[in-house]
Every structure is written in C-alpha cells, then in structure tokens.
C-alpha cells in the first residue's frame, strides 16, 4: 500500500509518494480535482515520485494560474523568450523547428548556496499537442517524456498547470552540486524542488501579467 506524506515547504505543498511506476497525473490518484484546485489555490503542489528502491525518479508540480489556457499555452511555447521570465537563463537557441515540434538548447545558472551557482547546459525536444506539450530527451528516446498539461478552470478563466519531468541525477550535475549533496545530503530534496518551483512560479507570474494587459 502506498503511503502519502504531506509537508508544508515554504509556499508549496510537498506530497511525496513511493511508487514503482509514474502515472500520467500521479497526484490525481490520491486527490480528486476539486481537492487539487483548493490546494493549488494556496500554493504550489509537489509530488516527488520514488521507485521501490527509494530512489527519486520523477517530479510533478501543479500550480493555479489566473489566466486562460490560451495565454498560458502562449507563454510555455514561446521558447525564444523563456529568458525574459526565467531568471539566470541565457537566450534559448531553437533548432529543428517544425509546426508542432522544436528542439531547444538552454543554458541555466542554478544557485546552490548564496552566490555560488552551477551552470547547466541541456537540450529538450518539445512536441506540442495542445493542451499538452511533451518534453523529450533528444539524445535518448527511451527516456519517458515529461510534459506540461493545461486544464481549464472556471470556464477557462483560470488554468491548472501540471509540470512533470524526470528528476535529474544530482551527482551528474557537476562538482559543485555533487559535492554539496555528498557533504550535505539534506540539501538534495531542495535542489530537486527549487528549479521546478522557480520555473512554475515565474511562468505563473508572467502569464498573469499578460492576462491583466488584455
């Protein structure tokens, strides 16, 4: 039987569950949508998904955005302008652009402790099937894709945003990150949660600003 643990983490609600294989929307297996909406109105929801060995495999974050799905979709698919609302990101490089696909190269500086930061370079192949956008590893097609998913709320006045991805191996993110995790293992969860939390928070704020201008 799966155990569900709920923690208050800053402004986010962290829901950790142990499971062998991730579902499309893992939180919905534990909470109905009405409950998700009520919780998301109070702050971000996180589900950190672990395998049977206790290893973190995937991350799911849910956030309520006071903007229509069309506005949010416009924000998350406007890859070239990600650096306008995601802090410490270089202008993304878009390649292999097609009607519903694009491969994007990113350079992002992740703050570790105080002024210390780790520069991460990565690429993502996006496949857009509105209201869902899949995120593939362009180098390894066997890796389960992550996704953005938009669910209209209140007749489309608001949007419940799901973000799901594979948790990175912190030991492969450079000497700064691996060294910190080795010496201070209690920081590992924060290093997994923080980048996604910032991404979803900045996406929410940017979309809501666009909604107010309309």
N, C-alpha and C. Protein backbone atom coordinates (compact mmCIF):
# COMPACT_ATOMS: atom_id res chain seq x y z
N UNK A 1 0.85 -1.19 0.00
CA UNK A 1 0.00 0.00 0.00
C UNK A 1 0.88 1.24 0.00
N UNK A 2 0.52 2.25 -0.80
CA UNK A 2 1.32 3.44 -0.92
C UNK A 2 1.07 4.36 0.28
N UNK A 3 2.11 4.99 0.78
CA UNK A 3 1.96 5.94 1.88
C UNK A 3 2.06 7.35 1.32
N UNK A 4 1.18 8.23 1.78
CA UNK A 4 1.15 9.60 1.32
C UNK A 4 1.56 10.50 2.46
N UNK A 5 2.61 11.29 2.25
CA UNK A 5 3.11 12.19 3.27
C UNK A 5 2.95 13.61 2.77
N UNK A 6 2.43 14.49 3.60
CA UNK A 6 2.20 15.87 3.21
C UNK A 6 3.04 16.79 4.10
N UNK A 7 3.81 17.67 3.46
CA UNK A 7 4.67 18.59 4.19
C UNK A 7 4.40 20.01 3.71
N UNK A 8 4.50 20.98 4.60
CA UNK A 8 4.46 22.38 4.20
C UNK A 8 5.89 22.80 3.92
N UNK A 9 6.17 23.22 2.69
CA UNK A 9 7.51 23.64 2.32
C UNK A 9 7.40 25.03 1.72
N UNK A 10 7.82 26.04 2.50
CA UNK A 10 7.69 27.43 2.08
C UNK A 10 6.25 27.67 1.65
N UNK A 11 6.06 28.14 0.40
CA UNK A 11 4.69 28.39 -0.07
C UNK A 11 4.15 27.20 -0.83
N UNK A 12 4.90 26.12 -0.86
CA UNK A 12 4.47 24.94 -1.63
C UNK A 12 3.99 23.84 -0.70
N UNK A 13 3.15 23.00 -1.24
CA UNK A 13 2.71 21.80 -0.53
C UNK A 13 3.42 20.64 -1.19
N UNK A 14 4.23 19.93 -0.42
CA UNK A 14 5.02 18.84 -0.97
C UNK A 14 4.36 17.52 -0.63
N UNK A 15 3.98 16.79 -1.65
CA UNK A 15 3.33 15.50 -1.46
C UNK A 15 4.25 14.42 -2.01
N UNK A 16 4.78 13.56 -1.12
CA UNK A 16 5.73 12.55 -1.54
C UNK A 16 5.07 11.19 -1.52
N UNK A 17 5.18 10.45 -2.60
CA UNK A 17 4.62 9.11 -2.62
C UNK A 17 5.62 8.14 -3.20
N UNK A 18 5.63 6.92 -2.70
CA UNK A 18 6.52 5.89 -3.21
C UNK A 18 5.73 4.98 -4.13
N UNK A 19 6.23 4.82 -5.34
CA UNK A 19 5.52 4.03 -6.32
C UNK A 19 6.51 3.46 -7.32
N UNK A 20 6.17 2.35 -7.92
CA UNK A 20 7.09 1.69 -8.84
C UNK A 20 7.14 2.38 -10.19
N UNK A 21 6.01 2.90 -10.65
CA UNK A 21 5.97 3.49 -11.98
C UNK A 21 5.07 4.71 -11.97
N UNK A 22 5.54 5.79 -12.59
CA UNK A 22 4.79 7.03 -12.58
C UNK A 22 3.60 6.96 -13.51
N UNK A 23 2.47 7.52 -13.07
CA UNK A 23 1.28 7.60 -13.92
C UNK A 23 1.27 8.93 -14.64
N UNK A 24 0.27 9.15 -15.49
CA UNK A 24 0.20 10.39 -16.24
C UNK A 24 0.07 11.58 -15.31
N UNK A 25 -0.86 11.52 -14.37
CA UNK A 25 -1.01 12.56 -13.36
C UNK A 25 -1.02 11.89 -11.99
N UNK A 26 0.15 11.63 -11.40
CA UNK A 26 0.21 10.87 -10.15
C UNK A 26 -0.62 11.46 -9.01
N UNK A 27 -0.70 12.78 -8.93
CA UNK A 27 -1.46 13.37 -7.83
C UNK A 27 -2.93 13.01 -7.91
N UNK A 28 -3.44 12.86 -9.13
CA UNK A 28 -4.87 12.58 -9.27
C UNK A 28 -5.25 11.20 -8.77
N UNK A 29 -4.25 10.34 -8.55
CA UNK A 29 -4.55 9.03 -7.99
C UNK A 29 -4.82 9.13 -6.50
N UNK A 30 -4.35 10.21 -5.89
CA UNK A 30 -4.51 10.39 -4.46
C UNK A 30 -5.55 11.46 -4.11
N UNK A 31 -5.73 12.44 -5.01
CA UNK A 31 -6.61 13.56 -4.73
C UNK A 31 -7.50 13.83 -5.93
N UNK A 32 -8.79 14.07 -5.69
CA UNK A 32 -9.68 14.42 -6.80
C UNK A 32 -9.41 15.85 -7.23
N UNK A 33 -9.92 16.23 -8.40
CA UNK A 33 -9.58 17.54 -8.96
C UNK A 33 -10.08 18.69 -8.09
N UNK A 34 -11.25 18.57 -7.47
CA UNK A 34 -11.74 19.64 -6.61
C UNK A 34 -10.78 19.89 -5.45
N UNK A 35 -10.24 18.81 -4.89
CA UNK A 35 -9.27 18.95 -3.80
C UNK A 35 -7.98 19.56 -4.32
N UNK A 36 -7.55 19.13 -5.51
CA UNK A 36 -6.34 19.71 -6.11
C UNK A 36 -6.50 21.21 -6.31
N UNK A 37 -7.66 21.62 -6.79
CA UNK A 37 -7.90 23.04 -7.02
C UNK A 37 -7.80 23.83 -5.72
N UNK A 38 -8.45 23.33 -4.68
CA UNK A 38 -8.42 24.03 -3.38
C UNK A 38 -7.00 24.14 -2.84
N UNK A 39 -6.22 23.06 -2.98
CA UNK A 39 -4.84 23.09 -2.50
C UNK A 39 -3.97 24.00 -3.37
N UNK A 40 -4.18 23.94 -4.69
CA UNK A 40 -3.37 24.75 -5.61
C UNK A 40 -3.64 26.24 -5.43
N UNK A 41 -4.83 26.58 -4.95
CA UNK A 41 -5.15 27.98 -4.70
C UNK A 41 -4.33 28.53 -3.53
N UNK A 42 -3.80 27.64 -2.70
CA UNK A 42 -3.00 28.06 -1.55
C UNK A 42 -1.51 28.10 -1.86
N UNK A 43 -1.09 27.49 -2.96
CA UNK A 43 0.33 27.45 -3.31
C UNK A 43 0.63 26.28 -4.21
N UNK A 44 1.89 26.15 -4.59
CA UNK A 44 2.30 25.06 -5.47
C UNK A 44 2.11 23.70 -4.80
N UNK A 45 1.81 22.71 -5.62
CA UNK A 45 1.72 21.33 -5.16
C UNK A 45 2.86 20.54 -5.79
N UNK A 46 3.56 19.78 -4.99
CA UNK A 46 4.64 18.93 -5.49
C UNK A 46 4.38 17.48 -5.16
N UNK A 47 4.67 16.62 -6.12
CA UNK A 47 4.67 15.18 -5.89
C UNK A 47 6.05 14.67 -6.31
N UNK A 48 6.84 14.23 -5.36
CA UNK A 48 8.15 13.66 -5.64
C UNK A 48 7.97 12.15 -5.70
N UNK A 49 8.25 11.56 -6.84
CA UNK A 49 7.90 10.17 -7.10
C UNK A 49 9.13 9.28 -6.97
N UNK A 50 9.03 8.26 -6.13
CA UNK A 50 10.15 7.37 -5.84
C UNK A 50 9.83 5.95 -6.33
N UNK A 51 10.89 5.23 -6.69
CA UNK A 51 10.68 3.84 -7.09
C UNK A 51 10.69 2.93 -5.86
N UNK A 52 10.60 1.63 -6.08
CA UNK A 52 10.51 0.69 -4.97
C UNK A 52 11.80 0.63 -4.15
N UNK A 53 12.90 1.11 -4.74
CA UNK A 53 14.18 1.12 -4.02
C UNK A 53 14.39 2.41 -3.24
N UNK A 54 13.41 3.31 -3.32
CA UNK A 54 13.53 4.57 -2.61
C UNK A 54 14.29 5.64 -3.36
N UNK A 55 14.52 5.42 -4.67
CA UNK A 55 15.23 6.39 -5.49
C UNK A 55 14.24 7.35 -6.14
N UNK A 56 14.56 8.64 -6.08
CA UNK A 56 13.70 9.63 -6.72
C UNK A 56 13.77 9.48 -8.23
N UNK A 57 12.62 9.37 -8.89
CA UNK A 57 12.61 9.17 -10.34
C UNK A 57 11.97 10.33 -11.10
N UNK A 58 10.89 10.90 -10.58
CA UNK A 58 10.18 11.94 -11.30
C UNK A 58 9.66 13.02 -10.35
N UNK A 59 9.40 14.19 -10.95
CA UNK A 59 8.86 15.31 -10.20
C UNK A 59 7.59 15.81 -10.89
N UNK A 60 6.58 16.10 -10.09
CA UNK A 60 5.35 16.68 -10.63
C UNK A 60 5.01 17.92 -9.81
N UNK A 61 4.79 19.03 -10.50
CA UNK A 61 4.37 20.25 -9.82
C UNK A 61 3.08 20.73 -10.45
N UNK A 62 2.16 21.18 -9.61
CA UNK A 62 0.88 21.72 -10.08
C UNK A 62 0.73 23.13 -9.52
N UNK A 63 0.30 24.05 -10.37
CA UNK A 63 0.12 25.43 -9.93
C UNK A 63 -1.15 25.99 -10.57
N UNK A 64 -1.84 26.84 -9.83
CA UNK A 64 -3.03 27.52 -10.36
C UNK A 64 -2.61 28.87 -10.94
N UNK A 65 -3.02 29.14 -12.17
CA UNK A 65 -2.66 30.39 -12.83
C UNK A 65 -3.94 31.17 -13.14
N UNK A 66 -3.97 32.42 -12.74
CA UNK A 66 -5.13 33.27 -13.01
C UNK A 66 -5.02 33.86 -14.42
N UNK A 67 -5.06 32.96 -15.39
CA UNK A 67 -5.01 33.33 -16.80
C UNK A 67 -5.61 32.17 -17.59
N UNK A 68 -6.09 32.46 -18.78
CA UNK A 68 -6.72 31.42 -19.60
C UNK A 68 -5.69 30.42 -20.11
N UNK A 69 -6.12 29.21 -20.46
CA UNK A 69 -5.19 28.23 -21.04
C UNK A 69 -4.49 28.75 -22.29
N UNK A 70 -5.19 29.56 -23.11
CA UNK A 70 -4.56 30.09 -24.32
C UNK A 70 -3.38 30.99 -23.98
N UNK A 71 -3.53 31.80 -22.95
CA UNK A 71 -2.43 32.69 -22.55
C UNK A 71 -1.27 31.87 -22.00
N UNK A 72 -1.57 30.90 -21.15
CA UNK A 72 -0.51 30.06 -20.57
C UNK A 72 0.19 29.27 -21.67
N UNK A 73 -0.59 28.74 -22.60
CA UNK A 73 -0.01 27.99 -23.72
C UNK A 73 0.94 28.88 -24.53
N UNK A 74 0.53 30.11 -24.75
CA UNK A 74 1.39 31.04 -25.47
C UNK A 74 2.71 31.29 -24.77
N UNK A 75 2.68 31.30 -23.44
CA UNK A 75 3.90 31.52 -22.66
C UNK A 75 4.82 30.31 -22.73
N UNK A 76 4.29 29.12 -22.50
CA UNK A 76 5.17 27.94 -22.41
C UNK A 76 5.67 27.48 -23.78
N UNK A 77 5.03 27.92 -24.86
CA UNK A 77 5.51 27.54 -26.20
C UNK A 77 6.34 28.64 -26.86
N UNK A 78 6.50 29.76 -26.19
CA UNK A 78 7.30 30.87 -26.72
C UNK A 78 8.75 30.69 -26.25
N UNK A 79 9.40 29.65 -26.75
CA UNK A 79 10.71 29.24 -26.25
C UNK A 79 11.76 30.34 -26.32
N UNK A 80 11.74 31.12 -27.38
CA UNK A 80 12.78 32.12 -27.57
C UNK A 80 12.75 33.20 -26.50
N UNK A 81 11.62 33.33 -25.80
CA UNK A 81 11.50 34.37 -24.78
C UNK A 81 11.51 33.81 -23.35
N UNK A 82 11.89 32.56 -23.19
CA UNK A 82 11.97 31.99 -21.84
C UNK A 82 12.87 32.82 -20.93
N UNK A 83 13.95 33.36 -21.48
CA UNK A 83 14.90 34.11 -20.66
C UNK A 83 14.31 35.42 -20.14
N UNK A 84 13.17 35.85 -20.69
CA UNK A 84 12.54 37.08 -20.22
C UNK A 84 11.85 36.90 -18.88
N UNK A 85 11.50 35.65 -18.55
CA UNK A 85 10.82 35.46 -17.27
C UNK A 85 11.46 34.39 -16.38
N UNK A 86 12.41 33.64 -16.91
CA UNK A 86 13.13 32.66 -16.09
C UNK A 86 14.47 33.26 -15.71
N UNK A 87 14.72 33.51 -14.43
CA UNK A 87 15.97 34.15 -14.01
C UNK A 87 17.20 33.31 -14.30
N UNK A 88 18.30 34.00 -14.60
CA UNK A 88 19.61 33.37 -14.80
C UNK A 88 19.63 32.39 -15.97
N UNK A 89 18.82 32.66 -16.98
CA UNK A 89 18.82 31.83 -18.19
C UNK A 89 19.32 32.66 -19.37
N UNK A 90 20.22 32.07 -20.17
CA UNK A 90 20.66 32.72 -21.40
C UNK A 90 19.55 32.62 -22.45
N UNK A 91 19.58 33.48 -23.48
CA UNK A 91 18.58 33.35 -24.55
C UNK A 91 18.62 31.95 -25.16
N UNK A 92 17.52 31.23 -25.16
CA UNK A 92 17.50 29.87 -25.70
C UNK A 92 17.79 29.85 -27.20
N UNK A 93 18.35 28.74 -27.65
CA UNK A 93 18.64 28.55 -29.07
C UNK A 93 17.67 27.49 -29.60
N UNK A 94 16.85 27.89 -30.58
CA UNK A 94 15.85 26.98 -31.14
C UNK A 94 16.39 26.36 -32.43
N UNK A 95 16.30 25.05 -32.53
CA UNK A 95 16.73 24.36 -33.75
C UNK A 95 15.71 23.26 -34.08
N UNK A 96 15.77 22.80 -35.30
CA UNK A 96 14.85 21.75 -35.77
C UNK A 96 13.38 22.12 -35.52
N UNK A 97 13.04 23.37 -35.83
CA UNK A 97 11.67 23.85 -35.60
C UNK A 97 10.74 23.33 -36.69
N UNK A 98 9.62 22.74 -36.27
CA UNK A 98 8.57 22.29 -37.16
C UNK A 98 7.25 22.86 -36.66
N UNK A 99 6.16 22.50 -37.31
CA UNK A 99 4.86 23.05 -36.92
C UNK A 99 4.54 22.78 -35.46
N UNK A 100 4.70 21.53 -35.04
CA UNK A 100 4.34 21.16 -33.67
C UNK A 100 5.51 20.60 -32.88
N UNK A 101 6.71 20.82 -33.37
CA UNK A 101 7.90 20.32 -32.68
C UNK A 101 9.01 21.36 -32.70
N UNK A 102 9.87 21.29 -31.70
CA UNK A 102 11.05 22.14 -31.66
C UNK A 102 12.05 21.55 -30.68
N UNK A 103 13.32 21.63 -31.05
CA UNK A 103 14.39 21.25 -30.12
C UNK A 103 15.06 22.54 -29.66
N UNK A 104 15.19 22.70 -28.36
CA UNK A 104 15.69 23.96 -27.80
C UNK A 104 16.89 23.68 -26.90
N UNK A 105 17.94 24.49 -27.07
CA UNK A 105 19.14 24.40 -26.24
C UNK A 105 19.08 25.48 -25.17
N UNK A 106 19.33 25.09 -23.92
CA UNK A 106 19.27 26.02 -22.79
C UNK A 106 20.60 26.09 -22.05
N UNK A 107 20.87 27.25 -21.48
CA UNK A 107 21.97 27.43 -20.54
C UNK A 107 21.37 28.13 -19.32
N UNK A 108 21.46 27.49 -18.17
CA UNK A 108 20.82 27.99 -16.96
C UNK A 108 21.79 27.93 -15.79
N UNK A 109 21.85 29.02 -15.03
CA UNK A 109 22.68 29.04 -13.83
C UNK A 109 21.79 28.80 -12.62
N UNK A 110 22.08 27.73 -11.90
CA UNK A 110 21.30 27.36 -10.73
C UNK A 110 22.06 27.74 -9.47
N UNK A 111 21.45 28.59 -8.65
CA UNK A 111 22.10 29.00 -7.41
C UNK A 111 22.13 27.83 -6.43
N UNK A 112 23.31 27.61 -5.85
CA UNK A 112 23.48 26.50 -4.92
C UNK A 112 23.36 26.99 -3.49
N UNK A 113 24.34 27.77 -3.05
CA UNK A 113 24.32 28.37 -1.71
C UNK A 113 24.85 29.79 -1.84
N UNK A 114 24.04 30.78 -1.43
CA UNK A 114 24.48 32.16 -1.52
C UNK A 114 24.83 32.53 -2.96
N UNK A 115 26.05 33.09 -3.17
CA UNK A 115 26.45 33.50 -4.52
C UNK A 115 26.95 32.34 -5.39
N UNK A 116 27.10 31.17 -4.81
CA UNK A 116 27.63 30.02 -5.56
C UNK A 116 26.55 29.45 -6.47
N UNK A 117 26.90 29.30 -7.76
CA UNK A 117 25.93 28.79 -8.74
C UNK A 117 26.59 27.75 -9.64
N UNK A 118 25.76 26.90 -10.19
CA UNK A 118 26.22 25.86 -11.12
C UNK A 118 25.58 26.13 -12.48
N UNK A 119 26.40 26.17 -13.53
CA UNK A 119 25.88 26.40 -14.88
C UNK A 119 25.53 25.07 -15.53
N UNK A 120 24.28 24.94 -15.96
CA UNK A 120 23.81 23.71 -16.58
C UNK A 120 23.42 23.97 -18.03
N UNK A 121 23.89 23.10 -18.92
CA UNK A 121 23.53 23.16 -20.33
C UNK A 121 22.72 21.91 -20.67
N UNK A 122 21.59 22.09 -21.31
CA UNK A 122 20.76 20.93 -21.65
C UNK A 122 19.88 21.26 -22.86
N UNK A 123 19.37 20.22 -23.49
CA UNK A 123 18.50 20.38 -24.65
C UNK A 123 17.21 19.60 -24.43
N UNK A 124 16.13 20.11 -24.98
CA UNK A 124 14.82 19.45 -24.86
C UNK A 124 14.12 19.48 -26.21
N UNK A 125 13.54 18.35 -26.58
CA UNK A 125 12.72 18.31 -27.80
C UNK A 125 11.25 18.36 -27.37
N UNK A 126 10.58 19.40 -27.79
CA UNK A 126 9.18 19.61 -27.42
C UNK A 126 8.26 19.13 -28.54
N UNK A 127 7.21 18.43 -28.15
CA UNK A 127 6.16 18.02 -29.09
C UNK A 127 4.85 18.58 -28.56
N UNK A 128 4.24 19.47 -29.34
CA UNK A 128 3.06 20.21 -28.87
C UNK A 128 1.76 19.58 -29.37
N UNK A 129 0.95 19.14 -28.44
CA UNK A 129 -0.37 18.59 -28.74
C UNK A 129 -1.35 19.23 -27.76
N UNK A 130 -1.65 20.48 -28.02
CA UNK A 130 -2.47 21.28 -27.11
C UNK A 130 -3.71 20.51 -26.65
N UNK A 131 -3.97 20.50 -25.32
CA UNK A 131 -3.41 21.29 -24.23
C UNK A 131 -2.21 20.64 -23.52
N UNK A 132 -1.52 19.75 -24.20
CA UNK A 132 -0.39 19.06 -23.58
C UNK A 132 0.85 19.26 -24.44
N UNK A 133 1.98 19.52 -23.80
CA UNK A 133 3.25 19.64 -24.50
C UNK A 133 4.24 18.66 -23.88
N UNK A 134 4.72 17.73 -24.70
CA UNK A 134 5.64 16.71 -24.22
C UNK A 134 7.08 17.20 -24.31
N UNK A 135 7.91 16.74 -23.38
CA UNK A 135 9.33 17.11 -23.35
C UNK A 135 10.16 15.84 -23.45
N UNK A 136 10.90 15.71 -24.55
CA UNK A 136 11.70 14.51 -24.80
C UNK A 136 13.19 14.81 -24.66
N UNK A 137 13.94 13.80 -24.27
CA UNK A 137 15.40 13.89 -24.30
C UNK A 137 15.83 13.64 -25.75
N UNK A 138 16.41 14.65 -26.43
CA UNK A 138 16.76 14.46 -27.84
C UNK A 138 17.87 13.45 -28.07
N UNK A 139 18.61 13.11 -27.00
CA UNK A 139 19.72 12.17 -27.12
C UNK A 139 19.33 10.74 -26.76
N UNK A 140 18.18 10.57 -26.10
CA UNK A 140 17.80 9.24 -25.63
C UNK A 140 16.28 9.08 -25.72
N UNK A 141 15.82 8.45 -26.78
CA UNK A 141 14.38 8.31 -27.00
C UNK A 141 13.73 7.31 -26.04
N UNK A 142 14.54 6.54 -25.31
CA UNK A 142 13.99 5.55 -24.38
C UNK A 142 13.53 6.17 -23.07
N UNK A 143 13.96 7.40 -22.80
CA UNK A 143 13.60 8.07 -21.56
C UNK A 143 12.14 8.52 -21.62
N UNK A 144 11.38 8.21 -20.58
CA UNK A 144 9.98 8.62 -20.52
C UNK A 144 9.87 10.14 -20.64
N UNK A 145 9.04 10.65 -21.57
CA UNK A 145 8.95 12.11 -21.74
C UNK A 145 8.24 12.78 -20.58
N UNK A 146 8.65 14.00 -20.30
CA UNK A 146 7.93 14.82 -19.35
C UNK A 146 6.83 15.56 -20.09
N UNK A 147 6.11 16.42 -19.38
CA UNK A 147 5.06 17.17 -20.07
C UNK A 147 4.61 18.39 -19.28
N UNK A 148 4.04 19.33 -20.02
CA UNK A 148 3.20 20.39 -19.48
C UNK A 148 1.77 20.01 -19.85
N UNK A 149 0.84 20.19 -18.94
CA UNK A 149 -0.57 19.94 -19.25
C UNK A 149 -1.41 21.06 -18.67
N UNK A 150 -2.32 21.60 -19.47
CA UNK A 150 -3.16 22.72 -19.05
C UNK A 150 -4.61 22.28 -18.94
N UNK A 151 -5.20 22.52 -17.78
CA UNK A 151 -6.60 22.17 -17.55
C UNK A 151 -7.39 23.44 -17.25
N UNK A 152 -8.40 23.77 -18.08
CA UNK A 152 -9.18 24.99 -17.83
C UNK A 152 -10.01 24.88 -16.56
N UNK A 153 -10.05 25.96 -15.80
CA UNK A 153 -10.83 26.04 -14.56
C UNK A 153 -11.74 27.26 -14.65
N UNK A 154 -12.91 27.17 -14.06
CA UNK A 154 -13.88 28.28 -14.06
C UNK A 154 -14.20 28.73 -15.49
N UNK A 155 -14.50 27.75 -16.34
CA UNK A 155 -14.87 28.08 -17.71
C UNK A 155 -13.74 28.66 -18.54
N UNK A 156 -12.51 28.39 -18.13
CA UNK A 156 -11.35 28.87 -18.88
C UNK A 156 -10.80 30.20 -18.39
N UNK A 157 -11.33 30.72 -17.29
CA UNK A 157 -10.80 31.96 -16.74
C UNK A 157 -9.46 31.73 -16.03
N UNK A 158 -9.30 30.52 -15.50
CA UNK A 158 -8.05 30.14 -14.83
C UNK A 158 -7.55 28.83 -15.42
N UNK A 159 -6.31 28.50 -15.08
CA UNK A 159 -5.70 27.28 -15.62
C UNK A 159 -4.96 26.53 -14.53
N UNK A 160 -5.25 25.23 -14.43
CA UNK A 160 -4.49 24.36 -13.54
C UNK A 160 -3.36 23.78 -14.39
N UNK A 161 -2.13 24.12 -14.03
CA UNK A 161 -0.96 23.74 -14.83
C UNK A 161 -0.23 22.58 -14.17
N UNK A 162 -0.02 21.52 -14.94
CA UNK A 162 0.76 20.37 -14.49
C UNK A 162 2.13 20.41 -15.18
N UNK A 163 3.17 20.19 -14.40
CA UNK A 163 4.52 20.06 -14.98
C UNK A 163 5.14 18.79 -14.42
N UNK A 164 5.53 17.89 -15.32
CA UNK A 164 6.04 16.57 -14.91
C UNK A 164 7.33 16.30 -15.66
N UNK A 165 8.38 15.89 -14.94
CA UNK A 165 9.63 15.56 -15.62
C UNK A 165 10.43 14.52 -14.84
N UNK A 166 11.47 14.05 -15.49
CA UNK A 166 12.37 13.09 -14.86
C UNK A 166 13.31 13.84 -13.93
N UNK A 167 13.44 13.36 -12.71
CA UNK A 167 14.34 14.01 -11.76
C UNK A 167 15.78 13.78 -12.18
N UNK A 168 16.60 14.83 -12.25
CA UNK A 168 17.99 14.65 -12.66
C UNK A 168 18.80 13.95 -11.58
N UNK A 169 19.86 13.30 -12.00
CA UNK A 169 20.80 12.70 -11.07
C UNK A 169 21.72 13.81 -10.58
N UNK A 170 21.58 14.21 -9.34
CA UNK A 170 22.34 15.34 -8.81
C UNK A 170 23.84 15.09 -8.85
N UNK A 171 24.24 13.84 -8.82
CA UNK A 171 25.66 13.51 -8.84
C UNK A 171 26.27 13.73 -10.22
N UNK A 172 25.42 13.98 -11.22
CA UNK A 172 25.92 14.21 -12.58
C UNK A 172 25.81 15.68 -12.99
N UNK A 173 25.52 16.56 -12.03
CA UNK A 173 25.33 17.98 -12.34
C UNK A 173 26.54 18.82 -12.00
N UNK A 174 27.71 18.22 -12.04
CA UNK A 174 28.93 18.97 -11.78
C UNK A 174 29.45 18.82 -10.37
N UNK A 175 30.69 19.25 -10.17
CA UNK A 175 31.36 19.07 -8.88
C UNK A 175 30.70 19.86 -7.75
N UNK A 176 30.20 21.07 -8.06
CA UNK A 176 29.58 21.88 -7.01
C UNK A 176 28.35 21.18 -6.43
N UNK A 177 27.48 20.72 -7.33
CA UNK A 177 26.24 20.08 -6.88
C UNK A 177 26.53 18.74 -6.22
N UNK A 178 27.33 17.91 -6.88
CA UNK A 178 27.62 16.58 -6.32
C UNK A 178 28.36 16.69 -4.99
N UNK A 179 29.26 17.67 -4.89
CA UNK A 179 29.99 17.87 -3.64
C UNK A 179 29.08 18.28 -2.50
N UNK A 180 28.12 19.17 -2.81
CA UNK A 180 27.18 19.62 -1.78
C UNK A 180 26.30 18.47 -1.32
N UNK A 181 25.80 17.67 -2.28
CA UNK A 181 24.93 16.55 -1.92
C UNK A 181 25.69 15.51 -1.11
N UNK A 182 26.96 15.32 -1.43
CA UNK A 182 27.78 14.35 -0.70
C UNK A 182 28.01 14.78 0.74
N UNK A 183 28.32 16.08 0.92
CA UNK A 183 28.63 16.57 2.27
C UNK A 183 27.39 16.98 3.05
N UNK A 184 26.35 17.42 2.32
CA UNK A 184 25.12 17.85 2.98
C UNK A 184 23.92 17.19 2.29
N UNK A 185 23.71 15.90 2.49
CA UNK A 185 22.63 15.18 1.80
C UNK A 185 21.25 15.74 2.07
N UNK A 186 21.09 16.49 3.16
CA UNK A 186 19.78 17.06 3.46
C UNK A 186 19.38 18.13 2.45
N UNK A 187 20.35 18.61 1.63
CA UNK A 187 20.04 19.61 0.62
C UNK A 187 19.50 19.00 -0.67
N UNK A 188 19.57 17.69 -0.80
CA UNK A 188 19.21 17.03 -2.06
C UNK A 188 17.77 17.34 -2.49
N UNK A 189 16.84 17.25 -1.56
CA UNK A 189 15.44 17.48 -1.91
C UNK A 189 15.22 18.92 -2.35
N UNK A 190 15.85 19.86 -1.64
CA UNK A 190 15.71 21.27 -2.01
C UNK A 190 16.26 21.53 -3.41
N UNK A 191 17.37 20.87 -3.76
CA UNK A 191 17.95 21.03 -5.09
C UNK A 191 17.06 20.45 -6.17
N UNK A 192 16.26 19.46 -5.83
CA UNK A 192 15.32 18.89 -6.80
C UNK A 192 14.07 19.76 -6.94
N UNK A 193 13.61 20.32 -5.83
CA UNK A 193 12.37 21.08 -5.83
C UNK A 193 12.55 22.50 -6.37
N UNK A 194 13.63 23.16 -5.95
CA UNK A 194 13.81 24.58 -6.23
C UNK A 194 13.73 24.98 -7.70
N UNK A 195 14.48 24.33 -8.62
CA UNK A 195 14.41 24.76 -10.03
C UNK A 195 13.01 24.67 -10.63
N UNK A 196 12.29 23.60 -10.31
CA UNK A 196 10.93 23.44 -10.84
C UNK A 196 9.99 24.46 -10.21
N UNK A 197 10.16 24.69 -8.92
CA UNK A 197 9.33 25.67 -8.22
C UNK A 197 9.50 27.06 -8.83
N UNK A 198 10.75 27.43 -9.10
CA UNK A 198 11.03 28.74 -9.70
C UNK A 198 10.42 28.82 -11.10
N UNK A 199 10.62 27.76 -11.90
CA UNK A 199 10.07 27.73 -13.25
C UNK A 199 8.55 27.93 -13.25
N UNK A 200 7.85 27.19 -12.40
CA UNK A 200 6.39 27.29 -12.36
C UNK A 200 5.93 28.63 -11.81
N UNK A 201 6.63 29.15 -10.82
CA UNK A 201 6.26 30.43 -10.24
C UNK A 201 6.44 31.56 -11.25
N UNK A 202 7.58 31.53 -11.97
CA UNK A 202 7.83 32.57 -12.96
C UNK A 202 6.87 32.47 -14.14
N UNK A 203 6.54 31.26 -14.54
CA UNK A 203 5.56 31.06 -15.61
C UNK A 203 4.20 31.62 -15.20
N UNK A 204 3.80 31.33 -13.97
CA UNK A 204 2.53 31.83 -13.42
C UNK A 204 2.50 33.36 -13.43
N UNK A 205 3.55 33.99 -12.90
CA UNK A 205 3.58 35.44 -12.82
C UNK A 205 3.55 36.09 -14.20
N UNK A 206 4.32 35.51 -15.13
CA UNK A 206 4.41 36.07 -16.48
C UNK A 206 3.06 35.95 -17.21
N UNK A 207 2.41 34.80 -17.08
CA UNK A 207 1.11 34.60 -17.73
C UNK A 207 0.05 35.52 -17.12
N UNK A 208 0.09 35.69 -15.80
CA UNK A 208 -0.90 36.54 -15.15
C UNK A 208 -0.72 38.01 -15.54
N UNK A 209 0.52 38.44 -15.74
CA UNK A 209 0.77 39.81 -16.20
C UNK A 209 0.19 40.00 -17.60
N UNK A 210 0.37 39.00 -18.46
CA UNK A 210 -0.18 39.08 -19.81
C UNK A 210 -1.72 39.11 -19.76
N UNK A 211 -2.30 38.35 -18.85
CA UNK A 211 -3.76 38.31 -18.73
C UNK A 211 -4.31 39.68 -18.30
N UNK A 212 -3.60 40.37 -17.43
CA UNK A 212 -4.06 41.67 -16.94
C UNK A 212 -4.00 42.74 -18.02
N UNK A 213 -3.11 42.55 -19.00
CA UNK A 213 -2.97 43.53 -20.07
C UNK A 213 -4.08 43.41 -21.11
N UNK A 214 -4.81 42.28 -21.08
CA UNK A 214 -5.87 42.07 -22.07
C UNK A 214 -7.21 42.64 -21.59
